[in-house]
Protein backbone atom coordinates (compact mmCIF):
# COMPACT_ATOMS: atom_id res chain seq x y z
CA UNK A 1 -293.13 -34.99 100.33
CA UNK A 2 -291.41 -33.07 97.57
CA UNK A 3 -294.83 -31.75 96.19
CA UNK A 4 -295.71 -30.41 99.63
CA UNK A 5 -292.28 -28.66 99.93
CA UNK A 6 -292.69 -27.01 96.63
CA UNK A 7 -296.11 -25.84 97.58
CA UNK A 8 -295.06 -24.64 100.91
CA UNK A 9 -292.29 -22.46 99.67
CA UNK A 10 -293.72 -21.30 96.34
CA UNK A 11 -295.10 -18.10 97.86
CA UNK A 12 -292.19 -17.43 100.16
CA UNK A 13 -290.77 -14.68 98.17
CA UNK A 14 -293.72 -13.00 96.76
CA UNK A 15 -296.50 -11.03 98.29
CA UNK A 16 -298.80 -11.80 95.34
CA UNK A 17 -299.16 -15.43 96.30
CA UNK A 18 -296.74 -17.25 94.02
CA UNK A 19 -293.16 -17.46 92.95
CA UNK A 20 -291.72 -15.24 90.31
CA UNK A 21 -291.59 -18.30 87.95
CA UNK A 22 -295.38 -19.09 88.68
CA UNK A 23 -296.37 -15.50 88.14
CA UNK A 24 -294.46 -15.45 84.72
CA UNK A 25 -296.16 -18.46 83.37
CA UNK A 26 -299.57 -17.02 84.71
CA UNK A 27 -298.93 -13.80 82.86
CA UNK A 28 -297.77 -15.58 79.64
CA UNK A 29 -301.06 -17.49 79.75
CA UNK A 30 -303.08 -14.59 79.98
CA UNK A 31 -301.32 -12.17 77.70
CA UNK A 32 -301.60 -11.87 73.97
CA UNK A 33 -299.84 -14.61 71.98
CA UNK A 34 -298.00 -12.00 69.78
CA UNK A 35 -296.63 -10.22 72.77
CA UNK A 36 -295.48 -13.45 74.63
CA UNK A 37 -293.86 -14.79 71.35
CA UNK A 38 -292.13 -11.47 70.99
CA UNK A 39 -290.78 -11.34 74.57
CA UNK A 40 -289.70 -15.04 74.43
CA UNK A 41 -287.89 -14.09 71.12
CA UNK A 42 -286.03 -11.43 73.01
CA UNK A 43 -285.16 -13.88 75.67
CA UNK A 44 -283.69 -16.31 73.15
CA UNK A 45 -281.77 -13.48 71.41
CA UNK A 46 -280.28 -12.46 74.75
CA UNK A 47 -279.24 -16.05 75.38
CA UNK A 48 -277.83 -16.30 71.89
CA UNK A 49 -275.72 -13.20 72.47
CA UNK A 50 -274.38 -14.34 75.73
CA UNK A 51 -273.54 -17.82 74.29
CA UNK A 52 -271.71 -16.22 71.32
CA UNK A 53 -269.76 -13.78 73.53
CA UNK A 54 -268.57 -16.67 75.59
CA UNK A 55 -267.65 -18.65 72.57
CA UNK A 56 -265.66 -15.80 71.22
CA UNK A 57 -263.96 -15.44 74.45
CA UNK A 58 -263.07 -19.00 74.91
CA UNK A 59 -262.96 -20.51 71.31
CA UNK A 60 -265.10 -22.74 69.06
CA UNK A 61 -264.21 -25.83 71.09
CA UNK A 62 -265.71 -24.41 74.23
CA UNK A 63 -268.44 -26.56 75.62
CA UNK A 64 -271.06 -24.14 76.91
CA UNK A 65 -273.45 -26.60 78.51
CA UNK A 66 -270.85 -28.24 80.55
CA UNK A 67 -269.57 -24.97 81.64
CA UNK A 68 -273.14 -23.97 82.64
CA UNK A 69 -273.81 -27.25 84.62
CA UNK A 70 -270.45 -26.76 86.57
CA UNK A 71 -271.37 -23.12 87.16
CA UNK A 72 -274.81 -24.08 88.53
CA UNK A 73 -273.35 -26.70 90.87
CA UNK A 74 -270.68 -24.19 92.23
CA UNK A 75 -273.16 -21.11 92.53
CA UNK A 76 -276.61 -22.59 93.11
CA UNK A 77 -277.93 -19.94 95.42
CA UNK A 78 -276.67 -16.98 93.16
CA UNK A 79 -278.18 -18.74 90.07
CA UNK A 80 -281.49 -19.11 91.80
CA UNK A 81 -281.61 -15.59 92.78
CA UNK A 82 -280.83 -14.38 89.36
CA UNK A 83 -283.38 -16.69 87.88
CA UNK A 84 -286.02 -14.97 90.29
CA UNK A 85 -284.88 -11.64 89.17
CA UNK A 86 -285.05 -12.50 85.47
CA UNK A 87 -288.71 -14.05 85.84
CA UNK A 88 -289.71 -10.70 87.49
CA UNK A 89 -287.94 -8.68 84.64
CA UNK A 90 -289.38 -10.75 81.87
CA UNK A 91 -292.86 -10.65 83.48
CA UNK A 92 -292.75 -6.90 83.86
CA UNK A 93 -291.72 -6.61 80.16
CA UNK A 94 -294.94 -8.62 79.11
CA UNK A 95 -297.16 -6.69 81.49
CA UNK A 96 -295.92 -3.29 80.36
CA UNK A 97 -296.94 -4.07 76.83
CA UNK A 98 -300.56 -5.24 77.78
CA UNK A 99 -302.01 -1.82 77.10
CA UNK A 100 -300.24 -1.26 73.83
């Protein structure tokens, strides 16, 4: 049943037949390896900066992974909305570099 639910809702938010997540991975499979690696490196860098900022704020003993799990549980709808937006942003970054 879960398989059908995922299939049924996948294109719910996207007029191009697919979720932002599926479109991101479609684009990453078709784009130049160098472009994809560079864009993923930018994503990792952004994540590293955000984690360091939080550790600077809370101290070295701060457990970021536990904080993230708790935040997701308390804000699941907001997190899912942000994830969709980030998939769209990162997909756009890759697509904008295809002609380069």
